Amino acid sequence: MGSRELPLLSRRQIEGRIALGQSIIIHEQIVLKVDGWLPYHPGGEKAIRHMIGKDATDEINAYHSLEAKQQMAARYRIGRIEGRWENFLPPIQGGKFRPYDECDAGDKNTHTRSDSAGPSRTPSPVFDVDDAGVRRRQLPHQDLPRSSSVSSVSTAAEGEELDAMSYLDAQTKERIDLDIAKYPSLDASTQDLVEQKYRLLIERLQKEGLYDCNYSAYAVETCRYTFFFCMFLLFLKLGWYGTSGIFLGCLWHQLVFTVHDAGHMGITHNFTVDSVIGIVIADFIGGLSVGWWKHNHNVHHIVTNSPEHDPDIQHLPFFAISHRLLGSLRSTFYERIMSYDAFARVFLRYQAYTYYPILTFGRFNLYALSWEYLIRGLGPRKGIAWWHRWLEITGQVFFWYWFGYLVLYKSIPTGWDRFAFIMISHMVTMPLHVQITLSHFAMSTADLGPHESFPQKMLRTTMDVDCPQWLDFFHGGLQFQAIHHLFPRMPRHNLRRTQKLVLEFCTEVGIPYALYGFVDGNKEVIGRFAEVSRQAAVLAKCQQTVAKRGDLIHGH
């Protein structure tokens, strides 16, 4: 059936389907009902759920091969639309949808926008969007009745705590106003132009062969990996266990970059081949689950820097890059409340100082997350990736055999030497964790609504790190995170060549391109941590006042 033969669906019909629990997304004017795809999606179902009710054309094109898109369209298309689609807020993000009935059949706004329909959403627990696109805090307790002097004191105390959050929200509003002023307007025509230019840029990159993998670059990478591996074995044999641990840590640090490439199908562009490459390196050699990483990372790419939704910035009780995390938000990824508890109050006070020490031991946390993912079977159990879990579990067993038994137990004689070897080899990977967080922690965490275009959101929430070309091997492509977020399947060895074209695109559409040196970028991150720590201190003072007044009430 050709696309023109598909039934034409109205906005109200699509809204009604979503209200019934159907997973509906739009791709290149085709309406897809993807409920049947959710348990099969290799990247997990949450990445899809954040696209429900939206035109996901750019996101789907960015993350999927032509073959995957063709198969998806053939299996799941149920209709088509005409004209421009105005995005709903997805249900996972709090969107509310009205059931469709026969009375809606006469709606003249059949295809795209229906102003009378409203936004089909409820306010977030902290913010709402007014007509000017400015998010303001809701203060539902302001109208509480005051029936006694005790309740008056209690309400006043609660009001002071709300006033503290209102003050912090006002600071966030200033950031949003700055974003709105600094970035292109969110009106339909402007965002459509950004999308159009972005798609033309993709065509140009494809014509210039920048999506083709440079295999000679991987030959150089392989030589580097071999060198680190041989040095690790040599010094292990010589009994220089600390030096051996340094080279093993360097090997792990470098191998992660190729795992990242494979996870995005940026090496062979074949899902099965790149998946095997990623699993062999991550699980068999590194002891980490690439399936966990993809489950986490795909959502990060869709909802970058969103405090409620992006797992890559949800690090309580150790770190918070937005004061919204001080309000015990519910994570839609982890499906739990991120408690701003006593531990968080202590750790966040010093987060600007503990950032590097905590990241020094970040690899241990990745082990725990990997095991949890594999033991609980959180990955797809059906479809093309059903076997990944079992190959990964095999890889984990193999890793702990060679690393835990052959190296630690059989090759290193004393407990102290084993401890030193473990700590040194894992601490050497610390720069990798800094690189991963650097490009996002200092960038905007504001939500400008579901109508912001994909390329603008990626450039607003991601920075690139400037470095000389000879240092590219150390950063492994992660220094071009903004470019990577725009073109996630592009091989990393082509990202530097792409940078010039992205700069031209940003100049043409008026989007600022955030580019910092490595030192300056770190200063930005530390500055953000210090700022949120100050905000936490303001909130703590108000909470102390509330507690004191509570004591007075009980004493009275």
Protein backbone atom coordinates (compact mmCIF):
# COMPACT_ATOMS: atom_id res chain seq x y z
CA MET A 1 0.00 0.00 0.00
CA GLY A 2 1.43 3.39 -1.02
CA SER A 3 1.50 6.24 1.46
CA ARG A 4 -1.23 8.09 -0.46
CA GLU A 5 -3.52 5.08 -0.05
CA LEU A 6 -3.26 5.20 3.74
CA PRO A 7 -6.23 6.73 5.56
CA LEU A 8 -5.90 10.41 6.44
CA LEU A 9 -6.01 10.76 10.23
CA SER A 10 -7.00 13.92 12.06
CA ARG A 11 -5.23 15.32 15.08
CA ARG A 12 -8.24 14.45 17.25
CA GLN A 13 -8.26 10.87 16.00
CA ILE A 14 -4.59 10.49 16.84
CA GLU A 15 -5.11 12.09 20.23
CA GLY A 16 -7.98 9.68 20.89
CA ARG A 17 -5.80 6.70 20.03
CA ILE A 18 -3.11 7.87 22.44
CA ALA A 19 -5.81 8.36 25.11
CA LEU A 20 -6.64 4.66 24.67
CA GLY A 21 -3.02 3.79 25.45
CA GLN A 22 -1.73 3.35 21.90
CA SER A 23 1.85 4.36 21.13
CA ILE A 24 1.52 6.71 18.16
CA ILE A 25 4.42 8.59 16.55
CA ILE A 26 4.79 10.51 13.30
CA HIS A 27 7.57 9.87 10.81
CA GLU A 28 7.75 11.73 7.50
CA GLN A 29 3.98 12.37 7.50
CA ILE A 30 3.23 8.70 8.19
CA VAL A 31 1.39 7.73 11.38
CA LEU A 32 3.02 4.74 13.11
CA LYS A 33 1.40 2.64 15.84
CA VAL A 34 4.46 1.08 17.46
CA ASP A 35 3.00 -0.84 20.42
CA GLY A 36 4.16 -4.09 18.83
CA TRP A 37 7.71 -2.73 18.49
CA LEU A 38 8.19 -1.68 22.13
CA PRO A 39 9.32 -5.10 23.50
CA TYR A 40 11.59 -5.63 20.49
CA HIS A 41 13.36 -2.28 20.39
CA PRO A 42 17.09 -2.92 21.03
CA GLY A 43 17.47 0.46 22.71
CA GLY A 44 14.61 -0.10 25.16
CA GLU A 45 11.04 1.10 25.12
CA LYS A 46 11.52 4.35 27.08
CA ALA A 47 13.30 6.05 24.17
CA ILE A 48 10.17 5.39 22.07
CA ARG A 49 7.77 6.49 24.82
CA HIS A 50 9.36 9.94 24.84
CA MET A 51 8.34 10.29 21.17
CA ILE A 52 4.64 9.40 21.53
CA GLY A 53 2.42 12.12 20.11
CA LYS A 54 5.34 13.84 18.39
CA ASP A 55 6.79 14.16 14.92
CA ALA A 56 9.83 11.94 15.49
CA THR A 57 11.20 12.26 11.95
CA ASP A 58 14.57 13.73 12.92
CA GLU A 59 15.07 11.44 15.89
CA ILE A 60 14.22 8.29 13.93
CA ASN A 61 16.39 9.30 10.98
CA ALA A 62 19.30 10.14 13.28
CA TYR A 63 19.36 6.82 15.14
CA HIS A 64 18.21 4.22 12.60
CA SER A 65 19.50 2.77 9.36
CA LEU A 66 17.49 2.95 6.15
CA GLU A 67 16.63 -0.75 6.44
CA ALA A 68 15.32 -0.35 10.00
CA LYS A 69 13.16 2.61 8.98
CA GLN A 70 11.73 0.74 6.00
CA GLN A 71 10.86 -2.28 8.14
CA MET A 72 9.26 -0.07 10.78
CA ALA A 73 7.15 1.78 8.23
CA ALA A 74 6.03 -1.44 6.53
CA ARG A 75 4.94 -3.08 9.78
CA TYR A 76 3.50 -0.30 11.87
CA ARG A 77 2.02 2.42 9.65
CA ILE A 78 -1.70 2.97 10.12
CA GLY A 79 -2.32 6.28 8.40
CA ARG A 80 -0.95 9.59 7.27
CA ILE A 81 -1.26 13.29 8.04
CA GLU A 82 -1.11 16.40 5.91
CA GLY A 83 0.51 19.69 6.78
CA ARG A 84 2.62 20.54 9.77
CA TRP A 85 2.24 18.44 12.91
CA GLU A 86 2.15 20.22 16.26
CA ASN A 87 3.65 17.98 18.91
CA PHE A 88 1.77 16.73 21.94
CA LEU A 89 3.55 16.32 25.25
CA PRO A 90 4.18 12.55 25.53
CA PRO A 91 2.29 10.68 28.27
CA ILE A 92 5.56 9.67 29.97
CA GLN A 93 6.30 13.39 30.38
CA GLY A 94 2.88 14.20 31.84
CA GLY A 95 0.81 14.75 28.70
CA LYS A 96 -2.97 14.23 29.02
CA PHE A 97 -5.10 13.10 26.09
CA ARG A 98 -8.86 13.24 25.48
CA PRO A 99 -10.75 10.24 24.16
CA TYR A 100 -12.17 10.56 20.65
CA ASP A 101 -15.89 10.27 20.01
CA GLU A 102 -18.19 10.70 17.05
CA CYS A 103 -18.86 14.35 17.92
CA ASP A 104 -15.23 15.08 17.11
CA ALA A 105 -15.66 13.85 13.54
CA GLY A 106 -16.85 17.27 12.46
CA ASP A 107 -13.71 18.99 13.70
CA LYS A 108 -12.50 21.10 10.80
CA ASN A 109 -8.96 21.10 12.13
CA THR A 110 -8.57 17.55 10.92
CA HIS A 111 -4.91 17.20 10.17
CA THR A 112 -2.60 19.21 12.29
CA ARG A 113 -3.24 21.99 14.75
CA SER A 114 -6.46 22.46 16.68
CA ASP A 115 -6.24 25.60 18.80
CA SER A 116 -9.49 24.76 20.54
CA ALA A 117 -8.13 21.39 21.59
CA GLY A 118 -5.64 22.86 24.01
CA PRO A 119 -2.22 21.44 24.69
CA SER A 120 -3.41 17.99 25.89
CA ARG A 121 -1.19 18.16 28.92
CA THR A 122 -1.09 18.91 32.61
CA PRO A 123 1.46 21.19 34.23
CA SER A 124 4.61 19.59 35.51
CA PRO A 125 4.91 19.40 39.29
CA VAL A 126 7.21 22.43 39.28
CA PHE A 127 6.65 24.41 36.12
CA ASP A 128 3.95 25.36 33.66
CA VAL A 129 4.18 27.04 30.27
CA ASP A 130 2.21 30.19 29.74
CA ASP A 131 1.33 31.71 26.37
CA ALA A 132 4.67 33.47 26.12
CA GLY A 133 6.59 30.23 26.58
CA VAL A 134 7.86 31.17 30.03
CA ARG A 135 7.72 28.51 32.72
CA ARG A 136 6.43 29.60 36.13
CA ARG A 137 6.16 27.81 39.44
CA GLN A 138 2.76 26.69 40.65
CA LEU A 139 2.04 27.50 44.29
CA PRO A 140 -0.95 25.32 45.13
CA HIS A 141 -0.68 25.91 48.89
CA GLN A 142 -1.05 29.67 48.77
CA ASP A 143 -4.82 29.53 49.21
CA LEU A 144 -4.87 27.15 52.19
CA PRO A 145 -7.46 28.15 54.84
CA ARG A 146 -6.13 29.57 58.07
CA SER A 147 -8.53 28.39 60.76
CA SER A 148 -6.33 28.94 63.80
CA SER A 149 -3.18 30.63 64.97
CA VAL A 150 -1.37 27.29 64.90
CA SER A 151 -2.39 26.58 61.33
CA SER A 152 -1.48 30.15 60.44
CA VAL A 153 2.03 29.66 61.75
CA SER A 154 2.28 26.30 59.98
CA THR A 155 1.03 27.73 56.72
CA ALA A 156 3.40 30.67 57.02
CA ALA A 157 6.30 28.30 57.53
CA GLU A 158 5.27 26.25 54.54
CA GLY A 159 4.94 29.48 52.64
CA GLU A 160 8.51 30.42 53.47
CA GLU A 161 9.72 27.07 52.10
CA LEU A 162 7.64 27.60 48.98
CA ASP A 163 9.04 31.13 48.72
CA ALA A 164 12.54 29.64 48.77
CA MET A 165 11.67 27.31 45.88
CA SER A 166 9.97 30.24 44.14
CA TYR A 167 13.19 32.20 44.45
CA LEU A 168 15.14 29.32 42.94
CA ASP A 169 12.51 28.94 40.22
CA ALA A 170 12.90 32.64 39.44
CA GLN A 171 16.58 32.01 38.84
CA THR A 172 15.68 29.16 36.53
CA LYS A 173 13.20 31.41 34.75
CA GLU A 174 16.03 33.86 34.13
CA ARG A 175 17.98 31.03 32.49
CA ILE A 176 14.97 30.12 30.35
CA ASP A 177 14.50 33.76 29.35
CA LEU A 178 18.17 33.82 28.41
CA ASP A 179 17.73 30.69 26.31
CA ILE A 180 14.66 32.13 24.61
CA ALA A 181 16.56 35.35 23.85
CA LYS A 182 19.77 33.62 22.75
CA TYR A 183 18.29 30.86 20.60
CA PRO A 184 15.92 31.05 17.63
CA SER A 185 12.25 31.63 18.37
CA LEU A 186 10.10 28.62 19.15
CA ASP A 187 7.41 29.69 16.68
CA ALA A 188 6.48 27.15 14.01
CA SER A 189 8.02 28.91 11.02
CA THR A 190 11.39 29.43 12.71
CA GLN A 191 11.65 25.86 13.98
CA ASP A 192 10.54 24.51 10.60
CA LEU A 193 13.39 26.45 8.98
CA VAL A 194 15.89 25.01 11.49
CA GLU A 195 14.65 21.50 10.71
CA GLN A 196 14.79 22.11 6.97
CA LYS A 197 18.39 23.38 7.10
CA TYR A 198 19.37 20.49 9.36
CA ARG A 199 17.99 17.93 6.91
CA LEU A 200 19.79 19.61 4.04
CA LEU A 201 23.00 19.45 6.07
CA ILE A 202 22.52 15.70 6.58
CA GLU A 203 22.17 15.24 2.81
CA ARG A 204 25.38 17.19 2.25
CA LEU A 205 27.26 15.12 4.83
CA GLN A 206 26.08 11.90 3.20
CA LYS A 207 27.13 13.11 -0.26
CA GLU A 208 30.59 14.01 1.05
CA GLY A 209 30.99 10.52 2.49
CA LEU A 210 31.16 11.57 6.11
CA TYR A 211 28.92 8.69 7.16
CA ASP A 212 31.44 6.23 5.68
CA CYS A 213 33.73 4.65 8.23
CA ASN A 214 37.45 5.34 7.97
CA TYR A 215 38.77 1.82 8.62
CA SER A 216 42.39 2.90 8.35
CA ALA A 217 41.81 5.00 11.47
CA TYR A 218 40.71 1.84 13.30
CA ALA A 219 43.93 0.16 12.16
CA VAL A 220 45.79 2.89 14.07
CA GLU A 221 43.45 2.42 17.03
CA THR A 222 44.17 -1.30 17.03
CA CYS A 223 47.91 -0.65 17.17
CA ARG A 224 47.39 1.59 20.18
CA TYR A 225 45.22 -1.02 21.92
CA THR A 226 47.81 -3.70 21.24
CA PHE A 227 50.57 -1.55 22.70
CA PHE A 228 48.67 -0.94 25.95
CA PHE A 229 47.75 -4.62 26.23
CA CYS A 230 51.34 -5.78 25.69
CA MET A 231 52.66 -3.27 28.25
CA PHE A 232 50.05 -4.45 30.74
CA LEU A 233 51.21 -8.08 30.31
CA LEU A 234 54.91 -7.19 30.29
CA PHE A 235 54.88 -5.27 33.58
CA LEU A 236 52.55 -7.83 35.14
CA LYS A 237 55.16 -10.48 34.28
CA LEU A 238 57.95 -8.29 35.69
CA GLY A 239 56.05 -7.77 38.94
CA TRP A 240 55.58 -4.04 38.41
CA TYR A 241 51.94 -4.28 39.34
CA GLY A 242 51.22 -0.56 39.65
CA THR A 243 52.69 0.14 36.21
CA SER A 244 50.80 -2.83 34.77
CA GLY A 245 47.58 -1.41 36.23
CA ILE A 246 48.24 1.94 34.58
CA PHE A 247 48.47 0.35 31.13
CA LEU A 248 45.38 -1.79 31.70
CA GLY A 249 43.47 1.35 32.72
CA CYS A 250 44.70 3.12 29.57
CA LEU A 251 43.48 0.17 27.51
CA TRP A 252 40.02 0.30 29.08
CA HIS A 253 39.91 4.08 28.61
CA GLN A 254 40.65 3.81 24.90
CA LEU A 255 38.44 0.79 24.21
CA VAL A 256 35.35 2.59 25.48
CA PHE A 257 35.50 4.92 22.48
CA THR A 258 35.16 2.01 20.07
CA VAL A 259 32.32 0.58 22.18
CA HIS A 260 30.59 3.94 21.84
CA ASP A 261 31.04 3.79 18.08
CA ALA A 262 29.67 0.25 17.92
CA GLY A 263 26.71 1.10 20.12
CA HIS A 264 25.68 3.75 17.61
CA MET A 265 26.34 1.43 14.64
CA GLY A 266 29.10 3.79 13.56
CA ILE A 267 31.64 1.15 12.48
CA THR A 268 30.08 -1.22 9.94
CA HIS A 269 26.53 0.23 10.15
CA ASN A 270 25.33 -3.36 10.47
CA PHE A 271 23.36 -3.89 13.67
CA THR A 272 24.49 -7.46 14.36
CA VAL A 273 28.17 -6.94 13.49
CA ASP A 274 28.49 -3.71 15.49
CA SER A 275 26.60 -5.27 18.41
CA VAL A 276 29.05 -8.19 18.55
CA ILE A 277 32.01 -5.78 18.38
CA GLY A 278 30.56 -3.75 21.23
CA ILE A 279 29.79 -6.78 23.41
CA VAL A 280 33.20 -8.40 22.89
CA ILE A 281 35.02 -5.22 23.86
CA ALA A 282 32.72 -3.97 26.64
CA ASP A 283 31.78 -7.25 28.34
CA PHE A 284 34.58 -9.70 27.56
CA ILE A 285 37.45 -7.21 27.89
CA GLY A 286 36.02 -4.44 30.06
CA GLY A 287 33.47 -6.15 32.30
CA LEU A 288 30.76 -3.59 31.44
CA SER A 289 27.40 -4.16 29.78
CA VAL A 290 26.97 -2.44 26.43
CA GLY A 291 23.28 -3.35 26.63
CA TRP A 292 22.93 -1.33 29.83
CA TRP A 293 24.76 1.54 28.19
CA LYS A 294 22.45 1.53 25.15
CA HIS A 295 19.35 1.28 27.35
CA ASN A 296 20.56 4.35 29.26
CA HIS A 297 22.24 6.25 26.45
CA ASN A 298 19.40 6.18 23.92
CA VAL A 299 17.09 7.91 26.38
CA HIS A 300 19.83 10.44 27.12
CA HIS A 301 20.02 11.31 23.43
CA ILE A 302 16.25 11.86 23.21
CA VAL A 303 15.69 13.95 26.36
CA THR A 304 19.15 15.44 26.84
CA ASN A 305 19.64 17.33 30.12
CA SER A 306 16.05 16.99 31.30
CA PRO A 307 16.15 16.67 35.12
CA GLU A 308 13.10 14.37 35.22
CA HIS A 309 13.94 12.19 32.24
CA ASP A 310 17.67 12.08 31.38
CA PRO A 311 19.46 9.38 33.43
CA ASP A 312 22.84 10.87 32.56
CA ILE A 313 22.23 13.84 34.87
CA GLN A 314 20.40 11.96 37.63
CA HIS A 315 23.18 11.39 40.13
CA LEU A 316 21.65 12.11 43.53
CA PRO A 317 22.81 12.03 46.27
CA PHE A 318 26.24 12.93 44.87
CA PHE A 319 25.58 15.53 42.17
CA ALA A 320 22.84 17.92 41.06
CA ILE A 321 23.18 20.35 38.16
CA SER A 322 19.70 21.87 38.56
CA HIS A 323 17.87 23.08 41.63
CA ARG A 324 14.86 21.13 40.39
CA LEU A 325 16.61 18.01 41.68
CA LEU A 326 16.35 19.53 45.15
CA GLY A 327 12.61 18.96 45.03
CA SER A 328 12.73 15.13 45.05
CA LEU A 329 11.68 14.73 41.43
CA ARG A 330 10.44 11.43 40.07
CA SER A 331 12.74 9.91 37.46
CA THR A 332 10.77 8.51 34.53
CA PHE A 333 13.80 6.41 33.60
CA TYR A 334 14.38 4.74 36.97
CA GLU A 335 10.66 4.98 37.85
CA ARG A 336 11.35 6.18 41.37
CA ILE A 337 11.63 9.36 43.39
CA MET A 338 15.12 10.83 43.42
CA SER A 339 15.08 11.69 47.12
CA TYR A 340 16.70 14.89 48.24
CA ASP A 341 17.43 13.33 51.61
CA ALA A 342 19.93 13.91 54.40
CA PHE A 343 22.75 12.26 52.44
CA ALA A 344 22.09 14.47 49.43
CA ARG A 345 22.02 17.60 51.58
CA VAL A 346 25.51 16.78 52.83
CA PHE A 347 27.05 15.65 49.54
CA LEU A 348 25.64 18.47 47.41
CA ARG A 349 27.10 21.06 49.76
CA TYR A 350 30.57 19.98 48.63
CA GLN A 351 29.89 18.70 45.12
CA ALA A 352 32.23 21.21 43.49
CA TYR A 353 35.05 19.63 45.53
CA THR A 354 33.99 15.97 45.37
CA TYR A 355 33.37 15.92 41.59
CA TYR A 356 36.79 14.60 40.59
CA PRO A 357 37.32 12.25 43.58
CA ILE A 358 33.94 10.57 43.04
CA LEU A 359 34.50 10.21 39.29
CA THR A 360 37.84 8.59 40.08
CA PHE A 361 35.88 5.56 41.27
CA GLY A 362 33.14 5.79 38.66
CA ARG A 363 33.98 2.47 37.02
CA PHE A 364 32.88 0.55 40.11
CA ASN A 365 29.41 2.06 39.78
CA LEU A 366 29.28 0.96 36.14
CA TYR A 367 29.90 -2.64 37.23
CA ALA A 368 26.92 -2.48 39.58
CA LEU A 369 24.65 -0.94 36.94
CA SER A 370 25.74 -3.54 34.39
CA TRP A 371 25.03 -6.46 36.72
CA GLU A 372 21.65 -5.06 37.69
CA TYR A 373 20.69 -4.68 34.02
CA LEU A 374 21.71 -8.22 33.10
CA ILE A 375 20.40 -9.99 36.20
CA ARG A 376 17.01 -8.29 36.00
CA GLY A 377 16.81 -8.83 32.25
CA LEU A 378 15.96 -5.20 31.51
CA GLY A 379 16.95 -5.47 27.86
CA PRO A 380 14.80 -6.76 24.99
CA ARG A 381 13.92 -10.46 25.24
CA LYS A 382 12.39 -10.67 21.79
CA GLY A 383 13.36 -9.69 18.29
CA ILE A 384 16.73 -9.05 16.73
CA ALA A 385 18.50 -8.42 20.06
CA TRP A 386 17.05 -11.26 22.18
CA TRP A 387 20.41 -13.05 22.37
CA HIS A 388 22.42 -10.03 23.53
CA ARG A 389 21.73 -10.67 27.21
CA TRP A 390 23.11 -14.21 27.08
CA LEU A 391 26.21 -13.24 25.13
CA GLU A 392 26.80 -10.43 27.61
CA ILE A 393 26.42 -12.75 30.60
CA THR A 394 28.96 -15.06 28.94
CA GLY A 395 31.22 -12.05 28.50
CA GLN A 396 30.89 -11.13 32.17
CA VAL A 397 31.88 -14.64 33.24
CA PHE A 398 34.84 -14.54 30.85
CA PHE A 399 35.94 -11.11 32.16
CA TRP A 400 35.93 -12.14 35.80
CA TYR A 401 37.74 -15.33 34.88
CA TRP A 402 40.67 -13.61 33.16
CA PHE A 403 40.72 -10.46 35.32
CA GLY A 404 39.58 -11.80 38.67
CA TYR A 405 41.15 -15.27 38.57
CA LEU A 406 44.05 -15.30 36.10
CA VAL A 407 45.32 -11.77 36.78
CA LEU A 408 44.35 -10.85 40.35
CA TYR A 409 44.45 -14.26 42.00
CA LYS A 410 47.01 -16.22 40.00
CA SER A 411 49.43 -13.53 38.83
CA ILE A 412 49.60 -11.10 41.77
CA PRO A 413 50.95 -12.64 44.99
CA THR A 414 49.80 -10.43 47.88
CA GLY A 415 46.54 -8.86 48.97
CA TRP A 416 48.06 -5.37 49.07
CA ASP A 417 49.43 -5.67 45.53
CA ARG A 418 46.03 -6.87 44.34
CA PHE A 419 44.31 -3.93 45.99
CA ALA A 420 46.81 -1.47 44.51
CA PHE A 421 46.44 -3.02 41.05
CA ILE A 422 42.65 -2.78 41.18
CA MET A 423 42.63 0.81 42.40
CA ILE A 424 45.27 2.07 39.98
CA SER A 425 43.78 0.37 36.92
CA HIS A 426 40.32 1.74 37.73
CA MET A 427 41.43 5.23 38.76
CA VAL A 428 43.30 5.71 35.48
CA THR A 429 39.92 5.68 33.69
CA MET A 430 38.77 8.81 35.59
CA PRO A 431 39.32 11.22 32.63
CA LEU A 432 36.79 9.19 30.67
CA HIS A 433 34.07 9.93 33.23
CA VAL A 434 35.00 13.61 33.18
CA GLN A 435 34.76 13.59 29.38
CA ILE A 436 31.32 11.96 29.50
CA THR A 437 29.87 14.53 31.91
CA LEU A 438 31.76 17.59 30.71
CA SER A 439 29.69 18.23 27.60
CA HIS A 440 26.35 18.38 29.43
CA PHE A 441 26.70 19.31 33.10
CA ALA A 442 27.27 23.01 32.39
CA MET A 443 24.63 23.31 29.68
CA SER A 444 20.96 24.26 29.81
CA THR A 445 18.57 22.02 31.73
CA ALA A 446 15.52 24.08 30.78
CA ASP A 447 12.55 22.48 29.06
CA LEU A 448 11.37 24.78 26.28
CA GLY A 449 8.45 22.53 25.42
CA PRO A 450 7.66 19.84 22.85
CA HIS A 451 7.81 22.27 19.91
CA GLU A 452 11.56 22.91 20.03
CA SER A 453 13.24 21.26 17.04
CA PHE A 454 15.58 18.33 17.54
CA PRO A 455 18.75 20.08 16.27
CA GLN A 456 18.16 23.21 18.36
CA LYS A 457 17.63 21.19 21.54
CA MET A 458 20.78 19.14 20.95
CA LEU A 459 22.90 22.26 20.44
CA ARG A 460 21.34 24.03 23.43
CA THR A 461 22.03 21.19 25.85
CA THR A 462 25.46 20.03 24.62
CA MET A 463 28.89 21.63 24.37
CA ASP A 464 31.96 20.67 22.36
CA VAL A 465 35.48 20.70 23.74
CA ASP A 466 38.20 22.36 21.71
CA CYS A 467 41.49 20.52 21.48
CA PRO A 468 44.37 20.19 19.00
CA GLN A 469 43.96 17.43 16.44
CA TRP A 470 46.85 15.42 17.81
CA LEU A 471 44.91 15.03 21.09
CA ASP A 472 41.83 13.55 19.42
CA PHE A 473 42.94 10.04 20.41
CA PHE A 474 42.73 11.02 24.10
CA HIS A 475 39.17 12.38 23.86
CA GLY A 476 38.02 9.63 21.51
CA GLY A 477 35.41 11.73 19.70
CA LEU A 478 33.67 12.71 22.96
CA GLN A 479 35.05 16.22 22.50
CA PHE A 480 32.59 16.60 19.61
CA GLN A 481 29.49 15.77 21.66
CA ALA A 482 27.31 18.48 20.12
CA ILE A 483 28.12 17.22 16.63
CA HIS A 484 27.67 13.63 17.78
CA HIS A 485 24.22 14.44 19.17
CA LEU A 486 23.23 15.88 15.81
CA PHE A 487 24.58 12.90 13.87
CA PRO A 488 24.89 9.96 16.31
CA ARG A 489 25.60 7.31 13.66
CA MET A 490 28.48 9.25 12.12
CA PRO A 491 31.88 7.54 12.61
CA ARG A 492 33.85 9.51 15.18
CA HIS A 493 36.93 9.91 12.98
CA ASN A 494 34.83 12.13 10.68
CA LEU A 495 33.50 14.43 13.40
CA ARG A 496 36.33 16.95 13.15
CA ARG A 497 35.75 17.32 9.40
CA THR A 498 32.06 17.80 10.11
CA GLN A 499 32.67 20.56 12.65
CA LYS A 500 33.24 23.23 9.99
CA LEU A 501 29.92 22.42 8.30
CA VAL A 502 28.08 22.47 11.63
CA LEU A 503 29.53 25.90 12.38
CA GLU A 504 28.18 27.12 9.03
CA PHE A 505 24.78 25.63 9.85
CA CYS A 506 24.71 27.30 13.28
CA THR A 507 25.62 30.66 11.78
CA GLU A 508 22.93 30.30 9.11
CA VAL A 509 20.08 29.47 11.51
CA GLY A 510 21.28 31.62 14.43
CA ILE A 511 21.94 28.86 16.98
CA PRO A 512 24.94 29.44 19.28
CA TYR A 513 27.55 26.70 19.07
CA ALA A 514 29.05 26.07 22.52
CA LEU A 515 32.78 25.39 22.21
CA TYR A 516 35.07 25.48 25.25
CA GLY A 517 38.63 24.49 25.90
CA PHE A 518 39.07 21.50 28.20
CA VAL A 519 40.10 23.66 31.17
CA ASP A 520 37.40 26.28 30.58
CA GLY A 521 34.79 23.56 30.15
CA ASN A 522 35.75 22.08 33.51
CA LYS A 523 35.50 25.53 35.07
CA GLU A 524 31.96 25.84 33.70
CA VAL A 525 30.99 22.51 35.26
CA ILE A 526 32.51 23.37 38.64
CA GLY A 527 30.77 26.75 38.48
CA ARG A 528 27.43 25.04 37.89
CA PHE A 529 28.03 22.73 40.86
CA ALA A 530 28.88 25.69 43.07
CA GLU A 531 25.77 27.52 41.95
CA VAL A 532 23.45 24.61 42.78
CA SER A 533 25.22 24.19 46.14
CA ARG A 534 24.41 27.83 46.94
CA GLN A 535 20.80 27.23 45.92
CA ALA A 536 20.69 24.18 48.18
CA ALA A 537 21.99 26.32 51.06
CA VAL A 538 19.19 28.86 50.52
CA LEU A 539 16.62 26.08 50.59
CA ALA A 540 18.21 24.53 53.69
CA LYS A 541 17.95 27.80 55.62
CA CYS A 542 14.26 28.04 54.83
CA GLN A 543 13.73 24.42 55.83
CA GLN A 544 15.48 25.11 59.13
CA THR A 545 13.12 28.00 59.71
CA VAL A 546 10.18 25.73 59.01
CA ALA A 547 11.53 23.16 61.48
CA LYS A 548 12.04 25.77 64.20
CA ARG A 549 8.52 27.09 63.77
CA GLY A 550 7.25 23.53 63.92
CA ASP A 551 9.02 23.10 67.26
CA LEU A 552 7.39 26.31 68.51
CA ILE A 553 3.99 25.01 67.45
CA HIS A 554 4.43 21.71 69.30
CA GLY A 555 5.85 23.52 72.33
CA HIS A 556 2.82 25.83 72.35
